[in-house]
PDB file of N, CA and C in Angstrom:
ATOM      1  N   MET A   1      93.989 -14.067 152.262  1.00  0.00           N
ATOM      2  CA  MET A   1      93.705 -14.926 153.397  1.00  0.00           C
ATOM      3  C   MET A   1      94.486 -16.222 153.234  1.00  0.00           C
ATOM      4  N   TYR A   2      94.864 -16.810 154.323  1.00  0.00           N
ATOM      5  CA  TYR A   2      95.622 -18.043 154.261  1.00  0.00           C
ATOM      6  C   TYR A   2      94.890 -19.143 155.004  1.00  0.00           C
ATOM      7  N   SER A   3      95.259 -20.366 154.720  1.00  0.00           N
ATOM      8  CA  SER A   3      94.725 -21.498 155.472  1.00  0.00           C
ATOM      9  C   SER A   3      95.861 -22.471 155.723  1.00  0.00           C
ATOM     10  N   THR A   4      95.655 -23.348 156.657  1.00  0.00           N
ATOM     11  CA  THR A   4      96.682 -24.331 156.992  1.00  0.00           C
ATOM     12  C   THR A   4      97.040 -25.165 155.777  1.00  0.00           C
ATOM     13  N   SER A   5      96.057 -25.567 155.007  1.00  0.00           N
ATOM     14  CA  SER A   5      96.342 -26.397 153.835  1.00  0.00           C
ATOM     15  C   SER A   5      97.179 -25.640 152.812  1.00  0.00           C
ATOM     16  N   ASN A   6      96.918 -24.337 152.634  1.00  0.00           N
ATOM     17  CA  ASN A   6      97.729 -23.549 151.707  1.00  0.00           C
ATOM     18  C   ASN A   6      99.176 -23.463 152.170  1.00  0.00           C
ATOM     19  N   MET A   7      99.353 -23.284 153.465  1.00  0.00           N
ATOM     20  CA  MET A   7     100.713 -23.199 153.993  1.00  0.00           C
ATOM     21  C   MET A   7     101.439 -24.527 153.837  1.00  0.00           C
ATOM     22  N   LEU A   8     100.751 -25.609 154.085  1.00  0.00           N
ATOM     23  CA  LEU A   8     101.383 -26.917 153.961  1.00  0.00           C
ATOM     24  C   LEU A   8     101.722 -27.217 152.511  1.00  0.00           C
ATOM     25  N   MET A   9     100.863 -26.805 151.585  1.00  0.00           N
ATOM     26  CA  MET A   9     101.141 -27.020 150.166  1.00  0.00           C
ATOM     27  C   MET A   9     102.358 -26.213 149.730  1.00  0.00           C
ATOM     28  N   SER A  10     102.480 -24.991 150.213  1.00  0.00           N
ATOM     29  CA  SER A  10     103.613 -24.161 149.818  1.00  0.00           C
ATOM     30  C   SER A  10     104.910 -24.669 150.423  1.00  0.00           C
ATOM     31  N   ASN A  11     104.799 -25.468 151.437  1.00  0.00           N
ATOM     32  CA  ASN A  11     105.966 -26.004 152.121  1.00  0.00           C
ATOM     33  C   ASN A  11     106.127 -27.495 151.832  1.00  0.00           C
ATOM     34  N   ALA A  12     105.554 -27.977 150.750  1.00  0.00           N
ATOM     35  CA  ALA A  12     105.495 -29.408 150.469  1.00  0.00           C
ATOM     36  C   ALA A  12     106.861 -30.037 150.228  1.00  0.00           C
ATOM     37  N   TYR A  13     107.831 -29.253 149.822  1.00  0.00           N
ATOM     38  CA  TYR A  13     109.145 -29.823 149.512  1.00  0.00           C
ATOM     39  C   TYR A  13     109.981 -30.090 150.757  1.00  0.00           C
ATOM     40  N   ASN A  14     109.568 -29.577 151.885  1.00  0.00           N
ATOM     41  CA  ASN A  14     110.277 -29.858 153.137  1.00  0.00           C
ATOM     42  C   ASN A  14     109.876 -31.229 153.647  1.00  0.00           C
ATOM     43  N   GLU A  15     110.851 -31.980 154.122  1.00  0.00           N
ATOM     44  CA  GLU A  15     110.570 -33.348 154.532  1.00  0.00           C
ATOM     45  C   GLU A  15     110.145 -33.455 155.991  1.00  0.00           C
ATOM     46  N   THR A  16     110.356 -32.426 156.774  1.00  0.00           N
ATOM     47  CA  THR A  16     110.010 -32.505 158.188  1.00  0.00           C
ATOM     48  C   THR A  16     108.770 -31.690 158.477  1.00  0.00           C
ATOM     49  N   ASN A  17     108.002 -32.119 159.448  1.00  0.00           N
ATOM     50  CA  ASN A  17     106.814 -31.377 159.871  1.00  0.00           C
ATOM     51  C   ASN A  17     107.196 -30.104 160.610  1.00  0.00           C
ATOM     52  N   ASP A  18     108.400 -30.070 161.193  1.00  0.00           N
ATOM     53  CA  ASP A  18     108.838 -28.882 161.919  1.00  0.00           C
ATOM     54  C   ASP A  18     108.869 -27.658 161.012  1.00  0.00           C
ATOM     55  N   SER A  19     109.294 -27.836 159.774  1.00  0.00           N
ATOM     56  CA  SER A  19     109.346 -26.715 158.834  1.00  0.00           C
ATOM     57  C   SER A  19     107.945 -26.193 158.546  1.00  0.00           C
ATOM     58  N   SER A  20     106.985 -27.096 158.390  1.00  0.00           N
ATOM     59  CA  SER A  20     105.602 -26.687 158.149  1.00  0.00           C
ATOM     60  C   SER A  20     105.047 -25.955 159.360  1.00  0.00           C
ATOM     61  N   ASP A  21     105.313 -26.484 160.540  1.00  0.00           N
ATOM     62  CA  ASP A  21     104.838 -25.837 161.765  1.00  0.00           C
ATOM     63  C   ASP A  21     105.441 -24.449 161.916  1.00  0.00           C
ATOM     64  N   ASP A  22     106.723 -24.322 161.612  1.00  0.00           N
ATOM     65  CA  ASP A  22     107.384 -23.020 161.704  1.00  0.00           C
ATOM     66  C   ASP A  22     106.778 -22.027 160.720  1.00  0.00           C
ATOM     67  N   ALA A  23     106.518 -22.473 159.493  1.00  0.00           N
ATOM     68  CA  ALA A  23     105.939 -21.596 158.480  1.00  0.00           C
ATOM     69  C   ALA A  23     104.550 -21.124 158.896  1.00  0.00           C
ATOM     70  N   ILE A  24     103.754 -22.025 159.433  1.00  0.00           N
ATOM     71  CA  ILE A  24     102.409 -21.667 159.887  1.00  0.00           C
ATOM     72  C   ILE A  24     102.493 -20.674 161.038  1.00  0.00           C
ATOM     73  N   TYR A  25     103.421 -20.898 161.966  1.00  0.00           N
ATOM     74  CA  TYR A  25     103.589 -19.987 163.106  1.00  0.00           C
ATOM     75  C   TYR A  25     103.968 -18.585 162.617  1.00  0.00           C
ATOM     76  N   VAL A  26     104.887 -18.496 161.677  1.00  0.00           N
ATOM     77  CA  VAL A  26     105.343 -17.199 161.178  1.00  0.00           C
ATOM     78  C   VAL A  26     104.191 -16.446 160.526  1.00  0.00           C
ATOM     79  N   VAL A  27     103.420 -17.115 159.682  1.00  0.00           N
ATOM     80  CA  VAL A  27     102.295 -16.463 159.004  1.00  0.00           C
ATOM     81  C   VAL A  27     101.213 -16.087 160.010  1.00  0.00           C
ATOM     82  N   ASP A  28     100.924 -16.981 160.950  1.00  0.00           N
ATOM     83  CA  ASP A  28      99.915 -16.714 161.977  1.00  0.00           C
ATOM     84  C   ASP A  28     100.306 -15.491 162.804  1.00  0.00           C
ATOM     85  N   SER A  29     101.550 -15.423 163.192  1.00  0.00           N
ATOM     86  CA  SER A  29     102.041 -14.297 163.978  1.00  0.00           C
ATOM     87  C   SER A  29     101.948 -12.990 163.190  1.00  0.00           C
ATOM     88  N   ALA A  30     102.326 -13.040 161.918  1.00  0.00           N
ATOM     89  CA  ALA A  30     102.251 -11.837 161.073  1.00  0.00           C
ATOM     90  C   ALA A  30     100.806 -11.378 160.892  1.00  0.00           C
ATOM     91  N   MET A  31      99.889 -12.341 160.716  1.00  0.00           N
ATOM     92  CA  MET A  31      98.466 -11.987 160.562  1.00  0.00           C
ATOM     93  C   MET A  31      97.927 -11.346 161.835  1.00  0.00           C
ATOM     94  N   LYS A  32      98.267 -11.904 162.989  1.00  0.00           N
ATOM     95  CA  LYS A  32      97.798 -11.343 164.259  1.00  0.00           C
ATOM     96  C   LYS A  32      98.348  -9.934 164.468  1.00  0.00           C
ATOM     97  N   THR A  33      99.604  -9.723 164.096  1.00  0.00           N
ATOM     98  CA  THR A  33     100.198  -8.390 164.218  1.00  0.00           C
ATOM     99  C   THR A  33      99.481  -7.396 163.317  1.00  0.00           C
ATOM    100  N   ALA A  34      99.227  -7.795 162.080  1.00  0.00           N
ATOM    101  CA  ALA A  34      98.527  -6.913 161.140  1.00  0.00           C
ATOM    102  C   ALA A  34      97.112  -6.597 161.622  1.00  0.00           C
ATOM    103  N   LEU A  35      96.403  -7.616 162.105  1.00  0.00           N
ATOM    104  CA  LEU A  35      95.028  -7.403 162.575  1.00  0.00           C
ATOM    105  C   LEU A  35      94.984  -6.536 163.829  1.00  0.00           C
ATOM    106  N   SER A  36      95.978  -6.658 164.689  1.00  0.00           N
ATOM    107  CA  SER A  36      95.984  -5.858 165.914  1.00  0.00           C
ATOM    108  C   SER A  36      96.143  -4.371 165.620  1.00  0.00           C
ATOM    109  N   LYS A  37      96.673  -4.038 164.455  1.00  0.00           N
ATOM    110  CA  LYS A  37      96.853  -2.638 164.059  1.00  0.00           C
ATOM    111  C   LYS A  37      95.656  -2.093 163.286  1.00  0.00           C
ATOM    112  N   ASP A  38      94.691  -2.946 162.961  1.00  0.00           N
ATOM    113  CA  ASP A  38      93.519  -2.553 162.186  1.00  0.00           C
ATOM    114  C   ASP A  38      92.435  -2.046 163.141  1.00  0.00           C
ATOM    115  N   ASN A  39      92.056  -0.785 162.982  1.00  0.00           N
ATOM    116  CA  ASN A  39      91.070  -0.171 163.884  1.00  0.00           C
ATOM    117  C   ASN A  39      89.680  -0.772 163.763  1.00  0.00           C
ATOM    118  N   LYS A  40      89.370  -1.441 162.661  1.00  0.00           N
ATOM    119  CA  LYS A  40      88.045  -2.014 162.462  1.00  0.00           C
ATOM    120  C   LYS A  40      87.947  -3.447 162.988  1.00  0.00           C
ATOM    121  N   PHE A  41      89.057  -4.071 163.248  1.00  0.00           N
ATOM    122  CA  PHE A  41      89.058  -5.493 163.593  1.00  0.00           C
ATOM    123  C   PHE A  41      88.459  -5.773 164.973  1.00  0.00           C
ATOM    124  N   MET A  42      88.930  -5.103 166.010  1.00  0.00           N
ATOM    125  CA  MET A  42      88.450  -5.394 167.364  1.00  0.00           C
ATOM    126  C   MET A  42      86.962  -5.076 167.543  1.00  0.00           C
ATOM    127  N   PRO A  43      86.456  -3.954 167.041  1.00  0.00           N
ATOM    128  CA  PRO A  43      85.010  -3.741 167.134  1.00  0.00           C
ATOM    129  C   PRO A  43      84.217  -4.850 166.430  1.00  0.00           C
ATOM    130  N   LEU A  44      84.721  -5.334 165.296  1.00  0.00           N
ATOM    131  CA  LEU A  44      84.052  -6.431 164.593  1.00  0.00           C
ATOM    132  C   LEU A  44      84.045  -7.692 165.453  1.00  0.00           C
ATOM    133  N   ILE A  45      85.167  -8.002 166.080  1.00  0.00           N
ATOM    134  CA  ILE A  45      85.249  -9.174 166.967  1.00  0.00           C
ATOM    135  C   ILE A  45      84.270  -9.022 168.128  1.00  0.00           C
ATOM    136  N   ASN A  46      84.155  -7.828 168.684  1.00  0.00           N
ATOM    137  CA  ASN A  46      83.224  -7.599 169.791  1.00  0.00           C
ATOM    138  C   ASN A  46      81.780  -7.825 169.363  1.00  0.00           C
ATOM    139  N   VAL A  47      81.430  -7.376 168.158  1.00  0.00           N
ATOM    140  CA  VAL A  47      80.075  -7.595 167.631  1.00  0.00           C
ATOM    141  C   VAL A  47      79.825  -9.092 167.464  1.00  0.00           C
ATOM    142  N   ILE A  48      80.795  -9.785 166.906  1.00  0.00           N
ATOM    143  CA  ILE A  48      80.644 -11.229 166.696  1.00  0.00           C
ATOM    144  C   ILE A  48      80.484 -11.950 168.029  1.00  0.00           C
ATOM    145  N   GLN A  49      81.263 -11.565 169.023  1.00  0.00           N
ATOM    146  CA  GLN A  49      81.168 -12.202 170.343  1.00  0.00           C
ATOM    147  C   GLN A  49      79.777 -11.994 170.958  1.00  0.00           C
ATOM    148  N   LYS A  50      79.222 -10.810 170.778  1.00  0.00           N
ATOM    149  CA  LYS A  50      77.900 -10.529 171.336  1.00  0.00           C
ATOM    150  C   LYS A  50      76.812 -11.347 170.639  1.00  0.00           C
ATOM    151  N   GLU A  51      76.988 -11.593 169.331  1.00  0.00           N
ATOM    152  CA  GLU A  51      75.980 -12.305 168.558  1.00  0.00           C
ATOM    153  C   GLU A  51      76.149 -13.803 168.619  1.00  0.00           C
ATOM    154  N   LYS A  52      77.262 -14.267 169.132  1.00  0.00           N
ATOM    155  CA  LYS A  52      77.561 -15.690 169.145  1.00  0.00           C
ATOM    156  C   LYS A  52      76.568 -16.435 170.040  1.00  0.00           C
ATOM    157  N   VAL A  53      76.048 -17.522 169.514  1.00  0.00           N
ATOM    158  CA  VAL A  53      75.097 -18.346 170.265  1.00  0.00           C
ATOM    159  C   VAL A  53      75.890 -19.365 171.080  1.00  0.00           C
ATOM    160  N   PRO A  54      75.648 -19.434 172.386  1.00  0.00           N
ATOM    161  CA  PRO A  54      76.404 -20.408 173.185  1.00  0.00           C
ATOM    162  C   PRO A  54      76.052 -21.832 172.822  1.00  0.00           C
ATOM    163  N   ARG A  55      77.044 -22.691 172.853  1.00  0.00           N
ATOM    164  CA  ARG A  55      76.814 -24.116 172.575  1.00  0.00           C
ATOM    165  C   ARG A  55      76.193 -24.775 173.802  1.00  0.00           C
ATOM    166  N   THR A  56      75.289 -25.706 173.535  1.00  0.00           N
ATOM    167  CA  THR A  56      74.651 -26.406 174.660  1.00  0.00           C
ATOM    168  C   THR A  56      75.064 -27.857 174.682  1.00  0.00           C
TER     169      THR A  56
END
């Protein structure tokens, strides 16, 4: 699993924020692609959506 802070730490030697943003986008896109191919992911998301309590 990844987090924004992990990505920023791994990209700490870059001086521009654009490089960090690009790295996060690439990892985010790859994760979404991998999850979209997982047969268990969407049913899990549907269960979570049904159980989610609306904010008031």
